[in-house]
Amino acid sequence: MINITSRSLEALPHEIPIWALRLEVQGIINRYAEVFECSCDFITAAVYAIVSTICGKHIELFDGKYNNNPNHWICVVAPSGSNKSAPIKALLEPIFKEEKLRIKKFKEEYREYKKNGGEEPVRDRLIVSDVTLEGLYQVLADKDNTKAGLLLYRDEIKGFLDDMNRYNSSGEISNYLSIYDGTPFPVDRKTQEPQWISNPFLCILGGIQPRAIANAFKPSWADEGFVQRWLYVYPQVLP
């Protein structure tokens, strides 16, 4: 039995623990942090987001009461110049390449569809970035019959949150809470046909500067439970 006191907690390293991960993954995290001269937390956060996206709804985690899918909303908090963007983009490179292949495949299938008819192909997205809310709903609807994951990556997550500020009065926060919990929800827009998203799964990854976080996350969002659903990665020690 381990007795942990408040003093011993202060002595513990304030980092995302990686000791339970496979040795190969630990090696990748440490190597990337060494090469990019950045906090290990930046790398670990990206690894969690990427692996969770690939797992999608193929994996469920049982906590003794609920079955949860491994979707993570991760906000990396660090000042400018701490090199949080470059290593994350490097880790995302395989996903970027896979997305490029999927785009090529979809274009070929769509040309074939326009030429010979048949069932219209649906593009299976793996990652999105600067996407409108309507566009995100469409991507989730297209993936509705699959267990595949989707990653929303924004280098500066503040832009994504600012977009939500503009539409907050129209129930967007409630929809995002449903997405996080994997709860089905309808989407009604004047410019689109009504949609029913029955199987949402979304990981989010992005960075923000410490001084911007208070304005980016509205205080009212805490009352709705939106703020509490994020993992805030805020290294105390930066190389």
C-alpha atoms as a PDB file:
ATOM      1  CA  MET A   1       0.000   0.000   0.000  1.00  0.00           C
ATOM      2  CA  ILE A   2       1.339   3.436  -0.961  1.00  0.00           C
ATOM      3  CA  ASN A   3       0.694   6.362   1.369  1.00  0.00           C
ATOM      4  CA  ILE A   4       0.538   9.587  -0.656  1.00  0.00           C
ATOM      5  CA  THR A   5       0.604  12.837   1.311  1.00  0.00           C
ATOM      6  CA  SER A   6       0.187  16.392   0.059  1.00  0.00           C
ATOM      7  CA  ARG A   7       3.933  16.876   0.403  1.00  0.00           C
ATOM      8  CA  SER A   8       4.695  13.785  -1.685  1.00  0.00           C
ATOM      9  CA  LEU A   9       2.207  14.967  -4.331  1.00  0.00           C
ATOM     10  CA  GLU A  10       4.140  18.224  -4.627  1.00  0.00           C
ATOM     11  CA  ALA A  11       7.283  16.201  -5.283  1.00  0.00           C
ATOM     12  CA  LEU A  12       5.717  14.247  -8.140  1.00  0.00           C
ATOM     13  CA  PRO A  13       6.520  15.424 -11.680  1.00  0.00           C
ATOM     14  CA  HIS A  14       3.674  17.482 -13.126  1.00  0.00           C
ATOM     15  CA  GLU A  15       3.574  15.701 -16.468  1.00  0.00           C
ATOM     16  CA  ILE A  16       1.188  13.380 -18.243  1.00  0.00           C
ATOM     17  CA  PRO A  17       2.358   9.928 -17.061  1.00  0.00           C
ATOM     18  CA  ILE A  18       3.649   7.657 -19.813  1.00  0.00           C
ATOM     19  CA  TRP A  19       4.985   4.767 -17.731  1.00  0.00           C
ATOM     20  CA  ALA A  20       1.921   2.606 -18.509  1.00  0.00           C
ATOM     21  CA  LEU A  21       2.360   2.967 -22.258  1.00  0.00           C
ATOM     22  CA  ARG A  22       4.231   0.454 -24.408  1.00  0.00           C
ATOM     23  CA  LEU A  23       7.988   0.910 -24.332  1.00  0.00           C
ATOM     24  CA  GLU A  24       7.995   1.646 -28.063  1.00  0.00           C
ATOM     25  CA  VAL A  25       5.516   4.491 -27.541  1.00  0.00           C
ATOM     26  CA  GLN A  26       7.506   5.848 -24.602  1.00  0.00           C
ATOM     27  CA  GLY A  27      10.565   5.826 -26.829  1.00  0.00           C
ATOM     28  CA  ILE A  28       8.759   7.802 -29.539  1.00  0.00           C
ATOM     29  CA  ILE A  29       7.546  10.391 -27.032  1.00  0.00           C
ATOM     30  CA  ASN A  30      10.980  10.886 -25.487  1.00  0.00           C
ATOM     31  CA  ARG A  31      12.725  10.980 -28.866  1.00  0.00           C
ATOM     32  CA  TYR A  32      10.363  13.562 -30.351  1.00  0.00           C
ATOM     33  CA  ALA A  33      10.655  15.722 -27.232  1.00  0.00           C
ATOM     34  CA  GLU A  34      14.448  15.518 -27.481  1.00  0.00           C
ATOM     35  CA  VAL A  35      14.607  16.345 -31.201  1.00  0.00           C
ATOM     36  CA  PHE A  36      12.092  19.196 -31.062  1.00  0.00           C
ATOM     37  CA  GLU A  37      13.383  20.426 -27.677  1.00  0.00           C
ATOM     38  CA  CYS A  38       9.886  20.669 -26.275  1.00  0.00           C
ATOM     39  CA  SER A  39       7.841  19.347 -23.376  1.00  0.00           C
ATOM     40  CA  CYS A  40       7.034  15.615 -23.438  1.00  0.00           C
ATOM     41  CA  ASP A  41       3.442  16.625 -22.678  1.00  0.00           C
ATOM     42  CA  PHE A  42       3.029  18.102 -26.180  1.00  0.00           C
ATOM     43  CA  ILE A  43       3.989  14.774 -27.726  1.00  0.00           C
ATOM     44  CA  THR A  44       1.948  12.651 -25.311  1.00  0.00           C
ATOM     45  CA  ALA A  45      -1.165  14.764 -25.934  1.00  0.00           C
ATOM     46  CA  ALA A  46      -0.823  14.307 -29.687  1.00  0.00           C
ATOM     47  CA  VAL A  47      -0.284  10.557 -29.295  1.00  0.00           C
ATOM     48  CA  TYR A  48      -3.485  10.229 -27.255  1.00  0.00           C
ATOM     49  CA  ALA A  49      -5.490  12.217 -29.820  1.00  0.00           C
ATOM     50  CA  ILE A  50      -4.119  10.282 -32.801  1.00  0.00           C
ATOM     51  CA  VAL A  51      -4.529   6.808 -31.268  1.00  0.00           C
ATOM     52  CA  SER A  52      -8.027   7.659 -30.047  1.00  0.00           C
ATOM     53  CA  THR A  53      -9.009   8.816 -33.531  1.00  0.00           C
ATOM     54  CA  ILE A  54      -7.723   5.623 -35.125  1.00  0.00           C
ATOM     55  CA  CYS A  55      -9.526   3.485 -32.521  1.00  0.00           C
ATOM     56  CA  GLY A  56     -12.820   5.336 -32.972  1.00  0.00           C
ATOM     57  CA  LYS A  57     -15.855   3.410 -31.771  1.00  0.00           C
ATOM     58  CA  HIS A  58     -14.140   0.073 -32.330  1.00  0.00           C
ATOM     59  CA  ILE A  59     -13.066   0.242 -28.682  1.00  0.00           C
ATOM     60  CA  GLU A  60     -15.172   0.840 -25.580  1.00  0.00           C
ATOM     61  CA  LEU A  61     -13.823   1.464 -22.105  1.00  0.00           C
ATOM     62  CA  PHE A  62     -15.894   0.235 -19.151  1.00  0.00           C
ATOM     63  CA  ASP A  63     -15.370   2.234 -15.958  1.00  0.00           C
ATOM     64  CA  GLY A  64     -17.543   0.010 -13.795  1.00  0.00           C
ATOM     65  CA  LYS A  65     -20.720   1.878 -14.599  1.00  0.00           C
ATOM     66  CA  TYR A  66     -20.611   3.270 -18.123  1.00  0.00           C
ATOM     67  CA  ASN A  67     -19.218   2.228 -21.498  1.00  0.00           C
ATOM     68  CA  ASN A  68     -17.154   5.083 -22.905  1.00  0.00           C
ATOM     69  CA  ASN A  69     -15.516   5.578 -26.278  1.00  0.00           C
ATOM     70  CA  PRO A  70     -11.941   6.914 -26.205  1.00  0.00           C
ATOM     71  CA  ASN A  71     -12.662  10.332 -27.684  1.00  0.00           C
ATOM     72  CA  HIS A  72     -10.501  13.111 -26.263  1.00  0.00           C
ATOM     73  CA  TRP A  73     -10.791  16.886 -26.495  1.00  0.00           C
ATOM     74  CA  ILE A  74      -7.275  18.104 -25.809  1.00  0.00           C
ATOM     75  CA  CYS A  75      -6.211  21.732 -25.433  1.00  0.00           C
ATOM     76  CA  VAL A  76      -2.445  22.279 -25.223  1.00  0.00           C
ATOM     77  CA  VAL A  77      -1.791  25.436 -23.203  1.00  0.00           C
ATOM     78  CA  ALA A  78       1.623  27.035 -23.693  1.00  0.00           C
ATOM     79  CA  PRO A  79       3.090  30.472 -24.453  1.00  0.00           C
ATOM     80  CA  SER A  80       4.294  31.509 -27.874  1.00  0.00           C
ATOM     81  CA  GLY A  81       7.746  30.190 -28.692  1.00  0.00           C
ATOM     82  CA  SER A  82       7.417  26.989 -26.664  1.00  0.00           C
ATOM     83  CA  ASN A  83       7.396  24.899 -29.872  1.00  0.00           C
ATOM     84  CA  LYS A  84       4.072  23.156 -29.363  1.00  0.00           C
ATOM     85  CA  SER A  85       2.985  23.192 -33.027  1.00  0.00           C
ATOM     86  CA  ALA A  86       5.890  21.663 -34.975  1.00  0.00           C
ATOM     87  CA  PRO A  87       6.113  18.301 -33.141  1.00  0.00           C
ATOM     88  CA  ILE A  88       2.331  17.838 -33.199  1.00  0.00           C
ATOM     89  CA  LYS A  89       2.229  18.446 -36.957  1.00  0.00           C
ATOM     90  CA  ALA A  90       5.099  15.992 -37.418  1.00  0.00           C
ATOM     91  CA  LEU A  91       3.182  13.316 -35.510  1.00  0.00           C
ATOM     92  CA  LEU A  92       0.072  14.041 -37.583  1.00  0.00           C
ATOM     93  CA  GLU A  93       1.919  13.552 -40.870  1.00  0.00           C
ATOM     94  CA  PRO A  94       0.753   9.909 -41.371  1.00  0.00           C
ATOM     95  CA  ILE A  95      -2.860  11.043 -40.914  1.00  0.00           C
ATOM     96  CA  PHE A  96      -2.332  13.845 -43.438  1.00  0.00           C
ATOM     97  CA  LYS A  97      -0.971  11.303 -45.938  1.00  0.00           C
ATOM     98  CA  GLU A  98      -3.891   8.936 -45.345  1.00  0.00           C
ATOM     99  CA  GLU A  99      -6.359  11.795 -45.834  1.00  0.00           C
ATOM    100  CA  LYS A 100      -4.675  12.657 -49.129  1.00  0.00           C
ATOM    101  CA  LEU A 101      -5.076   9.050 -50.320  1.00  0.00           C
ATOM    102  CA  ARG A 102      -8.737   9.079 -49.323  1.00  0.00           C
ATOM    103  CA  ILE A 103      -9.338  12.272 -51.273  1.00  0.00           C
ATOM    104  CA  LYS A 104      -7.752  10.708 -54.356  1.00  0.00           C
ATOM    105  CA  LYS A 105      -9.844   7.561 -53.981  1.00  0.00           C
ATOM    106  CA  PHE A 106     -13.048   9.565 -53.530  1.00  0.00           C
ATOM    107  CA  LYS A 107     -12.374  11.638 -56.661  1.00  0.00           C
ATOM    108  CA  GLU A 108     -11.871   8.482 -58.711  1.00  0.00           C
ATOM    109  CA  GLU A 109     -15.064   6.921 -57.363  1.00  0.00           C
ATOM    110  CA  TYR A 110     -17.012  10.132 -57.937  1.00  0.00           C
ATOM    111  CA  ARG A 111     -15.862  10.377 -61.544  1.00  0.00           C
ATOM    112  CA  GLU A 112     -16.951   6.778 -62.053  1.00  0.00           C
ATOM    113  CA  TYR A 113     -20.310   7.571 -60.441  1.00  0.00           C
ATOM    114  CA  LYS A 114     -20.890  10.610 -62.661  1.00  0.00           C
ATOM    115  CA  LYS A 115     -19.979   8.554 -65.729  1.00  0.00           C
ATOM    116  CA  ASN A 116     -21.831   5.294 -65.091  1.00  0.00           C
ATOM    117  CA  GLY A 117     -24.290   6.122 -62.314  1.00  0.00           C
ATOM    118  CA  GLY A 118     -24.976   3.818 -59.396  1.00  0.00           C
ATOM    119  CA  GLU A 119     -24.674   4.607 -55.711  1.00  0.00           C
ATOM    120  CA  GLU A 120     -23.141   8.011 -54.999  1.00  0.00           C
ATOM    121  CA  PRO A 121     -19.844   7.606 -53.123  1.00  0.00           C
ATOM    122  CA  VAL A 122     -19.419   9.118 -49.669  1.00  0.00           C
ATOM    123  CA  ARG A 123     -16.127  10.610 -48.619  1.00  0.00           C
ATOM    124  CA  ASP A 124     -14.833   9.054 -45.412  1.00  0.00           C
ATOM    125  CA  ARG A 125     -12.881  11.816 -43.682  1.00  0.00           C
ATOM    126  CA  LEU A 126     -10.194  11.147 -41.102  1.00  0.00           C
ATOM    127  CA  ILE A 127      -9.211  14.704 -40.167  1.00  0.00           C
ATOM    128  CA  VAL A 128     -10.715  18.178 -40.571  1.00  0.00           C
ATOM    129  CA  SER A 129      -9.349  21.578 -39.657  1.00  0.00           C
ATOM    130  CA  ASP A 130     -10.876  24.883 -40.677  1.00  0.00           C
ATOM    131  CA  VAL A 131     -14.375  23.496 -41.103  1.00  0.00           C
ATOM    132  CA  THR A 132     -17.707  25.236 -40.564  1.00  0.00           C
ATOM    133  CA  LEU A 133     -20.187  23.809 -38.093  1.00  0.00           C
ATOM    134  CA  GLU A 134     -22.471  22.777 -40.959  1.00  0.00           C
ATOM    135  CA  GLY A 135     -19.526  21.114 -42.663  1.00  0.00           C
ATOM    136  CA  LEU A 136     -18.599  19.215 -39.506  1.00  0.00           C
ATOM    137  CA  TYR A 137     -22.145  17.941 -39.115  1.00  0.00           C
ATOM    138  CA  GLN A 138     -22.081  16.731 -42.711  1.00  0.00           C
ATOM    139  CA  VAL A 139     -18.811  14.863 -42.173  1.00  0.00           C
ATOM    140  CA  LEU A 140     -20.209  13.199 -39.050  1.00  0.00           C
ATOM    141  CA  ALA A 141     -23.385  12.294 -40.928  1.00  0.00           C
ATOM    142  CA  ASP A 142     -21.320  10.744 -43.741  1.00  0.00           C
ATOM    143  CA  LYS A 143     -19.526   8.565 -41.167  1.00  0.00           C
ATOM    144  CA  ASP A 144     -22.732   7.636 -39.371  1.00  0.00           C
ATOM    145  CA  ASN A 145     -22.765   4.002 -40.507  1.00  0.00           C
ATOM    146  CA  THR A 146     -19.165   3.384 -39.475  1.00  0.00           C
ATOM    147  CA  LYS A 147     -17.238   3.117 -36.222  1.00  0.00           C
ATOM    148  CA  ALA A 148     -14.385   5.176 -37.627  1.00  0.00           C
ATOM    149  CA  GLY A 149     -13.095   8.185 -35.709  1.00  0.00           C
ATOM    150  CA  LEU A 150     -12.686  11.792 -36.798  1.00  0.00           C
ATOM    151  CA  LEU A 151     -10.073  14.279 -35.604  1.00  0.00           C
ATOM    152  CA  LEU A 152     -10.656  18.026 -35.617  1.00  0.00           C
ATOM    153  CA  TYR A 153      -7.217  19.648 -35.470  1.00  0.00           C
ATOM    154  CA  ARG A 154      -6.667  23.380 -35.126  1.00  0.00           C
ATOM    155  CA  ASP A 155      -3.178  24.715 -34.506  1.00  0.00           C
ATOM    156  CA  GLU A 156      -4.828  27.574 -32.598  1.00  0.00           C
ATOM    157  CA  ILE A 157      -7.953  26.187 -30.957  1.00  0.00           C
ATOM    158  CA  LYS A 158      -9.162  29.715 -30.192  1.00  0.00           C
ATOM    159  CA  GLY A 159     -10.419  30.064 -33.773  1.00  0.00           C
ATOM    160  CA  PHE A 160     -12.611  26.993 -33.320  1.00  0.00           C
ATOM    161  CA  LEU A 161     -13.961  28.320 -30.016  1.00  0.00           C
ATOM    162  CA  ASP A 162     -14.584  31.770 -31.477  1.00  0.00           C
ATOM    163  CA  ASP A 163     -16.761  30.175 -34.151  1.00  0.00           C
ATOM    164  CA  MET A 164     -18.777  28.541 -31.400  1.00  0.00           C
ATOM    165  CA  ASN A 165     -19.192  31.909 -29.710  1.00  0.00           C
ATOM    166  CA  ARG A 166     -20.895  33.213 -32.842  1.00  0.00           C
ATOM    167  CA  TYR A 167     -23.446  30.404 -32.886  1.00  0.00           C
ATOM    168  CA  ASN A 168     -23.874  29.794 -29.166  1.00  0.00           C
ATOM    169  CA  SER A 169     -27.488  30.953 -29.145  1.00  0.00           C
ATOM    170  CA  SER A 170     -28.516  28.294 -31.667  1.00  0.00           C
ATOM    171  CA  GLY A 171     -27.784  25.245 -29.528  1.00  0.00           C
ATOM    172  CA  GLU A 172     -24.302  24.400 -30.769  1.00  0.00           C
ATOM    173  CA  ILE A 173     -23.002  23.735 -27.265  1.00  0.00           C
ATOM    174  CA  SER A 174     -25.731  21.158 -26.681  1.00  0.00           C
ATOM    175  CA  ASN A 175     -24.834  19.459 -29.956  1.00  0.00           C
ATOM    176  CA  TYR A 176     -21.158  19.292 -29.019  1.00  0.00           C
ATOM    177  CA  LEU A 177     -22.048  17.784 -25.663  1.00  0.00           C
ATOM    178  CA  SER A 178     -24.035  15.136 -27.536  1.00  0.00           C
ATOM    179  CA  ILE A 179     -21.058  14.494 -29.825  1.00  0.00           C
ATOM    180  CA  TYR A 180     -18.753  14.044 -26.840  1.00  0.00           C
ATOM    181  CA  ASP A 181     -21.129  11.624 -25.143  1.00  0.00           C
ATOM    182  CA  GLY A 182     -21.886   9.758 -28.385  1.00  0.00           C
ATOM    183  CA  THR A 183     -25.563  10.665 -28.078  1.00  0.00           C
ATOM    184  CA  PRO A 184     -27.692  10.869 -31.262  1.00  0.00           C
ATOM    185  CA  PHE A 185     -28.969  14.347 -32.128  1.00  0.00           C
ATOM    186  CA  PRO A 186     -30.803  16.101 -34.973  1.00  0.00           C
ATOM    187  CA  VAL A 187     -29.435  18.978 -37.041  1.00  0.00           C
ATOM    188  CA  ASP A 188     -31.922  21.424 -38.522  1.00  0.00           C
ATOM    189  CA  ARG A 189     -30.670  24.204 -40.795  1.00  0.00           C
ATOM    190  CA  LYS A 190     -32.531  26.506 -43.132  1.00  0.00           C
ATOM    191  CA  THR A 191     -29.961  25.934 -45.880  1.00  0.00           C
ATOM    192  CA  GLN A 192     -29.740  22.123 -45.500  1.00  0.00           C
ATOM    193  CA  GLU A 193     -32.002  19.144 -45.317  1.00  0.00           C
ATOM    194  CA  PRO A 194     -32.660  17.901 -41.755  1.00  0.00           C
ATOM    195  CA  GLN A 195     -30.055  15.406 -40.571  1.00  0.00           C
ATOM    196  CA  TRP A 196     -29.979  12.789 -37.834  1.00  0.00           C
ATOM    197  CA  ILE A 197     -26.502  11.977 -36.514  1.00  0.00           C
ATOM    198  CA  SER A 198     -26.873   8.707 -34.653  1.00  0.00           C
ATOM    199  CA  ASN A 199     -23.283   7.625 -34.071  1.00  0.00           C
ATOM    200  CA  PRO A 200     -21.026  10.665 -33.445  1.00  0.00           C
ATOM    201  CA  PHE A 201     -17.362  10.301 -32.535  1.00  0.00           C
ATOM    202  CA  LEU A 202     -15.004  13.271 -32.538  1.00  0.00           C
ATOM    203  CA  CYS A 203     -11.550  13.918 -31.133  1.00  0.00           C
ATOM    204  CA  ILE A 204     -10.315  17.508 -30.927  1.00  0.00           C
ATOM    205  CA  LEU A 205      -6.705  18.674 -30.663  1.00  0.00           C
ATOM    206  CA  GLY A 206      -5.330  22.190 -30.660  1.00  0.00           C
ATOM    207  CA  GLY A 207      -3.202  24.732 -28.859  1.00  0.00           C
ATOM    208  CA  ILE A 208      -3.819  28.006 -27.090  1.00  0.00           C
ATOM    209  CA  GLN A 209      -1.783  30.611 -25.244  1.00  0.00           C
ATOM    210  CA  PRO A 210      -2.345  31.003 -21.475  1.00  0.00           C
ATOM    211  CA  ARG A 211      -3.585  34.592 -21.697  1.00  0.00           C
ATOM    212  CA  ALA A 212      -6.164  33.666 -24.333  1.00  0.00           C
ATOM    213  CA  ILE A 213      -7.783  30.730 -22.579  1.00  0.00           C
ATOM    214  CA  ALA A 214     -10.038  32.769 -20.260  1.00  0.00           C
ATOM    215  CA  ASN A 215     -11.602  34.669 -23.163  1.00  0.00           C
ATOM    216  CA  ALA A 216     -11.804  31.632 -25.440  1.00  0.00           C
ATOM    217  CA  PHE A 217     -13.764  29.454 -23.008  1.00  0.00           C
ATOM    218  CA  LYS A 218     -16.872  31.375 -21.958  1.00  0.00           C
ATOM    219  CA  PRO A 219     -17.765  31.188 -18.242  1.00  0.00           C
ATOM    220  CA  SER A 220     -21.305  30.061 -19.099  1.00  0.00           C
ATOM    221  CA  TRP A 221     -19.890  26.974 -20.821  1.00  0.00           C
ATOM    222  CA  ALA A 222     -18.734  25.667 -17.435  1.00  0.00           C
ATOM    223  CA  ASP A 223     -22.346  25.685 -16.234  1.00  0.00           C
ATOM    224  CA  GLU A 224     -23.290  23.558 -19.247  1.00  0.00           C
ATOM    225  CA  GLY A 225     -20.461  21.069 -18.710  1.00  0.00           C
ATOM    226  CA  PHE A 226     -18.579  21.953 -21.910  1.00  0.00           C
ATOM    227  CA  VAL A 227     -15.421  23.253 -20.217  1.00  0.00           C
ATOM    228  CA  GLN A 228     -15.111  20.155 -18.025  1.00  0.00           C
ATOM    229  CA  ARG A 229     -14.939  17.797 -20.988  1.00  0.00           C
ATOM    230  CA  TRP A 230     -11.503  19.057 -22.089  1.00  0.00           C
ATOM    231  CA  LEU A 231      -8.091  17.788 -21.073  1.00  0.00           C
ATOM    232  CA  TYR A 232      -5.907  20.860 -20.548  1.00  0.00           C
ATOM    233  CA  VAL A 233      -2.247  20.073 -21.097  1.00  0.00           C
ATOM    234  CA  TYR A 234      -0.319  22.906 -19.421  1.00  0.00           C
ATOM    235  CA  PRO A 235       3.346  22.000 -18.792  1.00  0.00           C
ATOM    236  CA  GLN A 236       4.832  23.776 -15.816  1.00  0.00           C
ATOM    237  CA  VAL A 237       8.391  23.302 -17.053  1.00  0.00           C
ATOM    238  CA  LEU A 238       9.369  24.131 -20.638  1.00  0.00           C
ATOM    239  CA  PRO A 239      12.820  23.455 -22.130  1.00  0.00           C
END
